[in-house]
Amino acid sequence: MFSVLKIRTYRHLFLAQVIALLGTGLATVALGLQAFELADGNAGAVLGTALAIKMIAYVVVAPLATALTEQVPRRAMLVTLDLIRAAVALCLPFITGVWQAYLLIFVLQAASAAFTPTFQATIPDVLPDEDDYTNALSLSRLAYDLEKVGSPVLAAALLALMSYHNLYLGTVVGFLASASLVVSVLLPNPKPGSPRSIYDRTTRGIRLYLTVPRLKGLFALNLAVAAGGSMVFVNTVVLVQSVLGLGERYTAFALAAFGLGSMLAALSLPRLLKKIDDRSTMLAGTAVLVASLLVGMFTTSYTSLVGVWALIGIGYSLVLTPSGRILRRSASPADRPALFAAQFALSHGCWLITYPLAGWLGATAGITATYVALAAVTGLAAFAASALWSSDDDDKNHVPINLAVGHAQTTGER
């Protein structure tokens, strides 16, 4: 799997991703501490609003930014967005009001909403070989999971030496390092197609989703992943510290178990996907999610909870990691940025639904009811995916769709 790092351009992009993720993780820790300082007893409400702002920025900005920057060279765009994110992080330590925090968070997340889909759409052009791209997807999943584990540990070590305000400097350094790594390589740009209206460019990715059955199935799978993951991200602290009566350290270890489960699945996927098609792998992941949530209802100890969280992490990665392969095969190079932006927006739209659902049910109906409801959402989403994405869709030979002419392009892939 790591052999793909021998390719210089991808190696620099991967390092840029890892460093930027660590910086973002430090900012997440610092923001939580700053919210407590600014709002005291209302820190939870401030963080909840910040999370909602993040998701709204992701859903709204990603397709629009991709449309507006369609003709901009990718390297210039990625570097500019990294510099914007660094500038915002540099301002965060100096805010004195909650409204200032909301404004800067929106700008930061809007820049990320433009950066991430463009970055993701660049990787399949850098790595045209299917096996190389699969390895890159697994490495990307590992990077995200390591960030969840590594950033809090790094933040804890730094907080022993400095104020939380200085954690933002780590974020600034991360984004600047990411920009310098992107500058150091040449990135392919898709050949521009015929001129299109801003409406056409903005909605192109969404219309691809509504045109291709396997992408409709992927949309349903996004909902399944969000339902399973929301149980972990929203209710871990409740289960560990309120139900089991344990401390913050145990909360961190439980979240780490989820990350380790996800990493284990990501490490196994390059070999697994050579034997089993994407559809079967992803549906198996939803089965793991549903089973884990149902088993979770009967957990009475911390050990069993950690085991369930690790299983949810495995199912989460089995569904999420191969999605890039589906997107890559479903659009021509010129349409990939729009499709990746649509995936980014629609998947986060699912989280915008399941985050409050997991929190509201946990607070009003109880944890058992939350497990049942989220398992039901996951199962229904998996059923919808299997119906929308039929098994006779040749998973190895997707033909990119050309919306301009209303039929599949002739690319020699079939």
Protein backbone atom coordinates (compact mmCIF):
# COMPACT_ATOMS: atom_id res chain seq x y z
CA MET A 1 0.00 0.00 0.00
CA PHE A 2 2.83 2.43 0.87
CA SER A 3 4.56 1.88 -2.47
CA VAL A 4 2.41 4.65 -3.95
CA LEU A 5 4.44 7.13 -1.88
CA LYS A 6 7.34 6.56 -4.27
CA ILE A 7 5.48 8.79 -6.73
CA ARG A 8 6.85 12.24 -5.93
CA THR A 9 3.77 14.31 -6.77
CA TYR A 10 1.46 12.13 -4.72
CA ARG A 11 3.97 11.93 -1.86
CA HIS A 12 4.04 15.71 -1.56
CA LEU A 13 0.24 15.94 -1.75
CA PHE A 14 -0.17 13.25 0.90
CA LEU A 15 2.28 14.99 3.23
CA ALA A 16 0.40 18.24 2.65
CA GLN A 17 -2.83 16.50 3.66
CA VAL A 18 -1.32 14.97 6.81
CA ILE A 19 0.28 18.21 8.01
CA ALA A 20 -2.86 20.27 7.31
CA LEU A 21 -4.98 17.70 9.18
CA LEU A 22 -2.73 17.87 12.24
CA GLY A 23 -2.98 21.64 12.18
CA THR A 24 -6.76 21.46 11.89
CA GLY A 25 -6.86 19.03 14.83
CA LEU A 26 -4.91 21.47 17.00
CA ALA A 27 -7.35 24.22 16.04
CA THR A 28 -10.28 22.00 17.05
CA VAL A 29 -8.84 21.52 20.54
CA ALA A 30 -8.00 25.23 20.87
CA LEU A 31 -11.46 26.26 19.68
CA GLY A 32 -13.12 24.13 22.34
CA LEU A 33 -11.02 25.76 25.07
CA GLN A 34 -11.61 29.22 23.61
CA ALA A 35 -15.37 28.64 23.51
CA PHE A 36 -15.29 27.82 27.21
CA GLU A 37 -13.36 31.04 27.88
CA LEU A 38 -15.69 33.20 25.78
CA ALA A 39 -19.04 31.68 26.75
CA ASP A 40 -18.33 29.82 30.00
CA GLY A 41 -21.52 27.85 30.72
CA ASN A 42 -22.75 28.26 27.14
CA ALA A 43 -19.63 26.72 25.59
CA GLY A 44 -21.62 23.70 24.41
CA ALA A 45 -24.07 25.92 22.58
CA VAL A 46 -21.22 27.88 20.99
CA LEU A 47 -19.52 24.70 19.79
CA GLY A 48 -22.81 23.30 18.53
CA THR A 49 -23.44 26.47 16.53
CA ALA A 50 -19.87 26.38 15.21
CA LEU A 51 -20.41 22.80 14.04
CA ALA A 52 -23.64 23.78 12.31
CA ILE A 53 -21.85 26.70 10.59
CA LYS A 54 -19.16 24.27 9.42
CA MET A 55 -21.69 21.89 7.90
CA ILE A 56 -23.69 24.67 6.25
CA ALA A 57 -20.50 26.07 4.72
CA TYR A 58 -19.60 22.61 3.42
CA VAL A 59 -23.03 21.99 1.90
CA VAL A 60 -23.47 25.41 0.29
CA VAL A 61 -19.96 26.50 -0.65
CA ALA A 62 -18.42 23.37 -2.18
CA PRO A 63 -20.48 23.20 -5.43
CA LEU A 64 -20.51 26.99 -5.85
CA ALA A 65 -16.76 27.38 -5.30
CA THR A 66 -16.00 24.57 -7.74
CA ALA A 67 -18.17 26.23 -10.39
CA LEU A 68 -16.64 29.68 -9.93
CA THR A 69 -13.05 28.39 -10.04
CA GLU A 70 -13.46 25.88 -12.86
CA GLN A 71 -10.91 27.63 -15.08
CA VAL A 72 -8.43 28.41 -12.27
CA PRO A 73 -5.24 26.27 -12.26
CA ARG A 74 -5.52 23.73 -9.47
CA ARG A 75 -2.15 24.43 -7.90
CA ALA A 76 -2.82 28.16 -7.66
CA MET A 77 -6.26 27.51 -6.21
CA LEU A 78 -5.06 25.05 -3.56
CA VAL A 79 -2.19 27.29 -2.47
CA THR A 80 -4.45 30.36 -2.24
CA LEU A 81 -6.99 28.47 -0.12
CA ASP A 82 -4.24 27.21 2.21
CA LEU A 83 -3.01 30.80 2.66
CA ILE A 84 -6.56 31.97 3.43
CA ARG A 85 -6.93 29.23 6.03
CA ALA A 86 -3.57 30.16 7.58
CA ALA A 87 -4.61 33.83 7.78
CA VAL A 88 -7.87 32.94 9.52
CA ALA A 89 -6.06 30.68 12.02
CA LEU A 90 -3.67 33.54 12.74
CA CYS A 91 -6.65 35.76 13.64
CA LEU A 92 -8.44 33.26 15.91
CA PRO A 93 -6.35 33.85 19.08
CA PHE A 94 -7.30 37.55 19.04
CA ILE A 95 -11.10 37.29 18.92
CA THR A 96 -12.99 38.76 21.86
CA GLY A 97 -16.60 37.95 20.97
CA VAL A 98 -18.59 34.91 19.98
CA TRP A 99 -19.82 36.55 16.77
CA GLN A 100 -16.21 37.04 15.68
CA ALA A 101 -15.59 33.34 16.22
CA TYR A 102 -18.62 32.44 14.10
CA LEU A 103 -17.50 34.73 11.27
CA LEU A 104 -13.94 33.41 11.17
CA ILE A 105 -15.13 29.81 11.42
CA PHE A 106 -17.38 30.33 8.41
CA VAL A 107 -14.51 31.79 6.37
CA LEU A 108 -12.20 28.96 7.45
CA GLN A 109 -14.71 26.24 6.64
CA ALA A 110 -15.72 27.89 3.35
CA ALA A 111 -12.07 27.76 2.29
CA SER A 112 -11.92 24.10 3.34
CA ALA A 113 -15.14 23.41 1.40
CA ALA A 114 -13.42 24.71 -1.74
CA PHE A 115 -10.05 23.08 -0.99
CA THR A 116 -11.02 19.50 -0.13
CA PRO A 117 -13.06 18.51 -3.23
CA THR A 118 -10.45 20.09 -5.53
CA PHE A 119 -7.69 18.21 -3.72
CA GLN A 120 -9.65 14.93 -3.89
CA ALA A 121 -10.41 15.38 -7.59
CA THR A 122 -6.70 15.94 -8.31
CA ILE A 123 -5.54 12.59 -6.89
CA PRO A 124 -7.11 10.33 -9.58
CA ASP A 125 -5.43 12.47 -12.25
CA VAL A 126 -2.08 12.14 -10.48
CA LEU A 127 -2.62 8.38 -10.02
CA PRO A 128 -4.37 7.03 -13.14
CA ASP A 129 -3.64 3.40 -12.18
CA GLU A 130 -6.59 1.83 -10.33
CA ASP A 131 -4.47 -0.02 -7.76
CA ASP A 132 -2.40 3.08 -7.01
CA TYR A 133 -5.55 5.12 -6.50
CA THR A 134 -7.03 2.48 -4.19
CA ASN A 135 -3.85 2.57 -2.11
CA ALA A 136 -4.08 6.36 -1.99
CA LEU A 137 -7.68 6.19 -0.72
CA SER A 138 -6.62 3.85 2.07
CA LEU A 139 -3.73 6.14 2.99
CA SER A 140 -6.10 9.11 3.05
CA ARG A 141 -8.43 7.24 5.39
CA LEU A 142 -5.45 6.42 7.62
CA ALA A 143 -4.47 10.09 7.65
CA TYR A 144 -7.93 11.15 8.82
CA ASP A 145 -8.00 8.48 11.52
CA LEU A 146 -4.49 9.26 12.73
CA GLU A 147 -5.49 12.90 13.00
CA LYS A 148 -8.33 11.95 15.33
CA VAL A 149 -5.87 10.08 17.55
CA GLY A 150 -2.69 12.12 17.08
CA SER A 151 -3.96 15.71 17.29
CA PRO A 152 -5.43 15.44 20.82
CA VAL A 153 -2.25 13.74 22.05
CA LEU A 154 -0.06 16.42 20.45
CA ALA A 155 -2.31 19.16 21.81
CA ALA A 156 -2.10 17.71 25.33
CA ALA A 157 1.70 17.64 25.15
CA LEU A 158 1.85 21.24 23.87
CA LEU A 159 -0.62 22.49 26.48
CA ALA A 160 1.77 21.34 29.18
CA LEU A 161 4.25 23.88 27.82
CA MET A 162 2.13 26.76 26.49
CA SER A 163 -1.25 28.49 26.42
CA TYR A 164 -3.98 27.10 24.20
CA HIS A 165 -3.78 30.28 22.10
CA ASN A 166 -0.41 29.08 20.83
CA LEU A 167 -2.01 25.93 19.42
CA TYR A 168 -3.33 28.10 16.60
CA LEU A 169 0.28 28.74 15.58
CA GLY A 170 0.54 25.01 14.89
CA THR A 171 -2.49 25.37 12.64
CA VAL A 172 -0.89 28.28 10.79
CA VAL A 173 2.33 26.31 10.32
CA GLY A 174 0.32 23.31 9.07
CA PHE A 175 -1.46 25.29 6.38
CA LEU A 176 1.70 27.10 5.29
CA ALA A 177 3.56 23.80 5.07
CA SER A 178 0.69 22.35 3.04
CA ALA A 179 0.87 25.31 0.64
CA SER A 180 4.64 24.93 0.21
CA LEU A 181 4.31 21.23 -0.55
CA VAL A 182 1.63 21.89 -3.16
CA VAL A 183 3.82 24.59 -4.74
CA SER A 184 6.68 22.10 -5.01
CA VAL A 185 4.90 19.89 -7.57
CA LEU A 186 3.18 20.29 -10.92
CA LEU A 187 -0.49 19.31 -10.90
CA PRO A 188 -2.51 18.17 -13.91
CA ASN A 189 -5.45 20.33 -14.92
CA PRO A 190 -8.40 18.81 -16.77
CA LYS A 191 -8.88 19.98 -20.30
CA PRO A 192 -11.57 22.68 -20.30
CA GLY A 193 -14.79 21.76 -22.01
CA SER A 194 -17.16 24.03 -23.85
CA PRO A 195 -18.22 27.20 -21.97
CA ARG A 196 -21.14 26.62 -19.59
CA SER A 197 -23.36 28.88 -17.53
CA ILE A 198 -22.73 29.36 -13.81
CA TYR A 199 -25.97 27.46 -13.11
CA ASP A 200 -24.81 24.53 -15.20
CA ARG A 201 -21.40 24.48 -13.52
CA THR A 202 -22.86 24.78 -10.01
CA THR A 203 -25.45 22.03 -10.42
CA ARG A 204 -23.42 19.72 -12.66
CA GLY A 205 -22.18 17.44 -9.88
CA ILE A 206 -25.63 17.17 -8.29
CA ARG A 207 -27.18 16.32 -11.67
CA LEU A 208 -24.58 13.58 -12.15
CA TYR A 209 -25.76 12.12 -8.86
CA LEU A 210 -29.35 12.16 -10.10
CA THR A 211 -28.35 10.60 -13.44
CA VAL A 212 -26.17 7.65 -12.41
CA PRO A 213 -27.79 4.80 -10.39
CA ARG A 214 -24.57 3.83 -8.60
CA LEU A 215 -24.19 7.45 -7.43
CA LYS A 216 -27.74 7.45 -6.08
CA GLY A 217 -26.70 4.35 -4.18
CA LEU A 218 -23.60 6.14 -2.93
CA PHE A 219 -25.77 8.99 -1.65
CA ALA A 220 -27.78 6.49 0.41
CA LEU A 221 -24.54 4.97 1.70
CA ASN A 222 -23.43 8.45 2.81
CA LEU A 223 -26.52 8.58 5.02
CA ALA A 224 -25.73 5.13 6.46
CA VAL A 225 -22.19 6.20 7.35
CA ALA A 226 -23.42 9.45 8.92
CA ALA A 227 -26.00 7.64 11.06
CA GLY A 228 -23.46 5.14 12.38
CA GLY A 229 -20.71 7.69 12.88
CA SER A 230 -22.97 10.21 14.63
CA MET A 231 -23.58 7.75 17.45
CA VAL A 232 -19.85 7.75 18.15
CA PHE A 233 -19.07 11.43 17.65
CA VAL A 234 -22.10 12.78 19.53
CA ASN A 235 -22.72 10.31 22.33
CA THR A 236 -19.31 8.94 23.35
CA VAL A 237 -18.88 11.54 26.08
CA VAL A 238 -22.41 10.85 27.35
CA LEU A 239 -21.91 7.08 27.47
CA VAL A 240 -18.46 7.21 29.04
CA GLN A 241 -18.78 10.06 31.51
CA SER A 242 -22.50 10.15 32.35
CA VAL A 243 -23.63 6.52 31.98
CA LEU A 244 -20.42 4.74 33.02
CA GLY A 245 -19.14 7.51 35.29
CA LEU A 246 -15.60 7.52 33.92
CA GLY A 247 -13.23 10.40 33.20
CA GLU A 248 -12.17 12.34 30.14
CA ARG A 249 -9.21 10.04 29.48
CA TYR A 250 -11.59 7.13 28.90
CA THR A 251 -13.58 9.22 26.44
CA ALA A 252 -10.41 9.82 24.45
CA PHE A 253 -9.54 6.11 24.47
CA ALA A 254 -13.04 5.18 23.27
CA LEU A 255 -12.75 7.58 20.33
CA ALA A 256 -9.29 6.16 19.64
CA ALA A 257 -10.82 2.66 19.46
CA PHE A 258 -13.16 3.89 16.72
CA GLY A 259 -10.19 5.34 14.86
CA LEU A 260 -8.16 2.16 15.23
CA GLY A 261 -11.04 0.07 13.86
CA SER A 262 -11.28 2.38 10.87
CA MET A 263 -7.52 2.18 10.28
CA LEU A 264 -7.60 -1.62 10.45
CA ALA A 265 -10.25 -1.72 7.72
CA ALA A 266 -8.38 0.85 5.61
CA LEU A 267 -5.20 -1.24 5.76
CA SER A 268 -7.05 -4.34 4.56
CA LEU A 269 -9.01 -2.70 1.74
CA PRO A 270 -6.39 -2.59 -1.05
CA ARG A 271 -6.09 -6.38 -0.93
CA LEU A 272 -9.81 -6.93 -0.27
CA LEU A 273 -10.96 -4.80 -3.21
CA LYS A 274 -8.94 -6.97 -5.60
CA LYS A 275 -11.21 -9.89 -4.66
CA ILE A 276 -14.57 -8.24 -3.89
CA ASP A 277 -16.26 -5.44 -5.83
CA ASP A 278 -16.91 -2.04 -4.31
CA ARG A 279 -20.67 -2.48 -4.01
CA SER A 280 -20.41 -5.71 -2.00
CA THR A 281 -17.69 -4.28 0.24
CA MET A 282 -19.64 -1.13 1.01
CA LEU A 283 -22.91 -2.96 1.68
CA ALA A 284 -21.01 -5.33 3.98
CA GLY A 285 -19.78 -2.25 5.82
CA THR A 286 -23.36 -1.08 6.38
CA ALA A 287 -24.22 -4.54 7.75
CA VAL A 288 -21.36 -4.16 10.24
CA LEU A 289 -22.68 -0.72 11.22
CA VAL A 290 -26.23 -1.97 11.80
CA ALA A 291 -25.07 -5.01 13.77
CA SER A 292 -22.72 -2.91 15.90
CA LEU A 293 -25.44 -0.39 16.75
CA LEU A 294 -27.85 -3.15 17.76
CA VAL A 295 -25.20 -4.86 19.89
CA GLY A 296 -24.43 -1.48 21.45
CA MET A 297 -27.84 -1.47 23.15
CA PHE A 298 -26.64 -4.28 25.41
CA THR A 299 -23.23 -2.89 26.36
CA THR A 300 -22.90 -2.46 30.10
CA SER A 301 -19.15 -2.07 30.52
CA TYR A 302 -16.43 0.16 29.16
CA THR A 303 -14.66 -2.79 27.56
CA SER A 304 -17.72 -3.81 25.57
CA LEU A 305 -18.31 -0.20 24.53
CA VAL A 306 -14.75 0.06 23.20
CA GLY A 307 -15.28 -3.16 21.24
CA VAL A 308 -18.50 -1.85 19.68
CA TRP A 309 -16.83 1.45 18.79
CA ALA A 310 -13.99 -0.42 17.07
CA LEU A 311 -16.55 -2.42 15.04
CA ILE A 312 -18.36 0.77 14.04
CA GLY A 313 -14.99 2.14 12.91
CA ILE A 314 -14.47 -0.94 10.72
CA GLY A 315 -17.91 -0.59 9.12
CA TYR A 316 -17.40 3.15 8.70
CA SER A 317 -14.16 2.68 6.77
CA LEU A 318 -15.50 -0.21 4.65
CA VAL A 319 -18.25 2.08 3.36
CA LEU A 320 -16.40 5.36 3.14
CA THR A 321 -12.96 4.48 1.75
CA PRO A 322 -14.04 2.95 -1.63
CA SER A 323 -16.35 5.87 -2.43
CA GLY A 324 -13.55 7.70 -4.25
CA ARG A 325 -13.25 4.78 -6.68
CA ILE A 326 -16.94 5.10 -7.55
CA LEU A 327 -16.62 8.83 -8.14
CA ARG A 328 -13.47 8.39 -10.24
CA ARG A 329 -15.17 5.92 -12.55
CA SER A 330 -18.39 7.88 -12.88
CA ALA A 331 -17.16 11.08 -14.53
CA SER A 332 -14.71 12.28 -17.12
CA PRO A 333 -11.63 14.13 -15.81
CA ALA A 334 -13.21 17.50 -16.64
CA ASP A 335 -16.29 16.68 -14.54
CA ARG A 336 -14.50 15.15 -11.56
CA PRO A 337 -14.14 18.41 -9.58
CA ALA A 338 -17.90 19.01 -9.84
CA LEU A 339 -18.67 15.43 -8.85
CA PHE A 340 -16.27 15.42 -5.89
CA ALA A 341 -17.75 18.76 -4.77
CA ALA A 342 -21.25 17.28 -4.96
CA GLN A 343 -20.11 14.27 -2.92
CA PHE A 344 -18.55 16.61 -0.36
CA ALA A 345 -21.72 18.71 -0.07
CA LEU A 346 -24.23 15.85 -0.08
CA SER A 347 -22.31 13.68 2.38
CA HIS A 348 -22.02 16.58 4.84
CA GLY A 349 -25.69 17.29 4.30
CA CYS A 350 -26.32 13.80 5.69
CA TRP A 351 -24.23 14.62 8.78
CA LEU A 352 -26.24 17.83 9.19
CA ILE A 353 -29.29 15.57 9.65
CA THR A 354 -27.80 12.79 11.76
CA TYR A 355 -25.74 14.92 14.18
CA PRO A 356 -28.77 16.66 15.72
CA LEU A 357 -30.81 13.45 15.48
CA ALA A 358 -28.24 11.56 17.56
CA GLY A 359 -27.97 14.40 20.07
CA TRP A 360 -31.69 15.10 20.39
CA LEU A 361 -32.68 11.46 20.74
CA GLY A 362 -29.93 10.82 23.27
CA ALA A 363 -31.10 13.73 25.41
CA THR A 364 -34.86 13.14 25.18
CA ALA A 365 -35.55 9.49 24.37
CA GLY A 366 -32.52 7.80 25.93
CA ILE A 367 -29.47 5.99 24.63
CA THR A 368 -31.26 2.72 23.82
CA ALA A 369 -33.79 4.49 21.62
CA THR A 370 -30.91 6.34 19.94
CA TYR A 371 -29.16 3.08 19.10
CA VAL A 372 -32.38 1.66 17.64
CA ALA A 373 -33.22 4.77 15.62
CA LEU A 374 -29.74 5.14 14.13
CA ALA A 375 -29.58 1.42 13.35
CA ALA A 376 -32.94 1.77 11.56
CA VAL A 377 -31.69 4.77 9.54
CA THR A 378 -28.51 2.87 8.64
CA GLY A 379 -30.45 -0.23 7.61
CA LEU A 380 -32.98 1.68 5.52
CA ALA A 381 -30.18 3.61 3.82
CA ALA A 382 -28.39 0.34 3.04
CA PHE A 383 -31.58 -1.14 1.59
CA ALA A 384 -32.08 1.96 -0.56
CA ALA A 385 -28.47 1.75 -1.76
CA SER A 386 -28.80 -1.89 -2.76
CA ALA A 387 -32.01 -1.12 -4.67
CA LEU A 388 -30.68 1.99 -6.43
CA TRP A 389 -27.28 0.46 -7.26
CA SER A 390 -28.06 -2.90 -8.83
CA SER A 391 -25.62 -5.80 -8.61
CA ASP A 392 -25.42 -6.10 -12.41
CA ASP A 393 -23.78 -2.66 -12.62
CA ASP A 394 -20.30 -3.69 -13.76
CA ASP A 395 -18.22 -2.26 -10.92
CA LYS A 396 -14.94 -2.59 -12.78
CA ASN A 397 -16.10 -0.85 -15.96
CA HIS A 398 -18.02 2.28 -15.13
CA VAL A 399 -18.47 4.56 -18.11
CA PRO A 400 -18.21 8.29 -17.37
CA ILE A 401 -21.40 10.23 -18.02
CA ASN A 402 -21.39 13.27 -20.28
CA LEU A 403 -24.33 15.47 -19.34
CA ALA A 404 -23.82 17.73 -22.30
CA VAL A 405 -24.88 15.05 -24.73
CA GLY A 406 -27.03 13.03 -22.35
CA HIS A 407 -25.27 9.69 -22.73
CA ALA A 408 -22.17 7.80 -21.69
CA GLN A 409 -18.94 8.93 -23.22
CA THR A 410 -16.99 6.56 -25.41
CA THR A 411 -13.69 6.31 -23.51
CA GLY A 412 -12.48 2.83 -24.31
CA GLU A 413 -13.08 1.70 -20.72
CA ARG A 414 -15.78 -0.78 -21.65
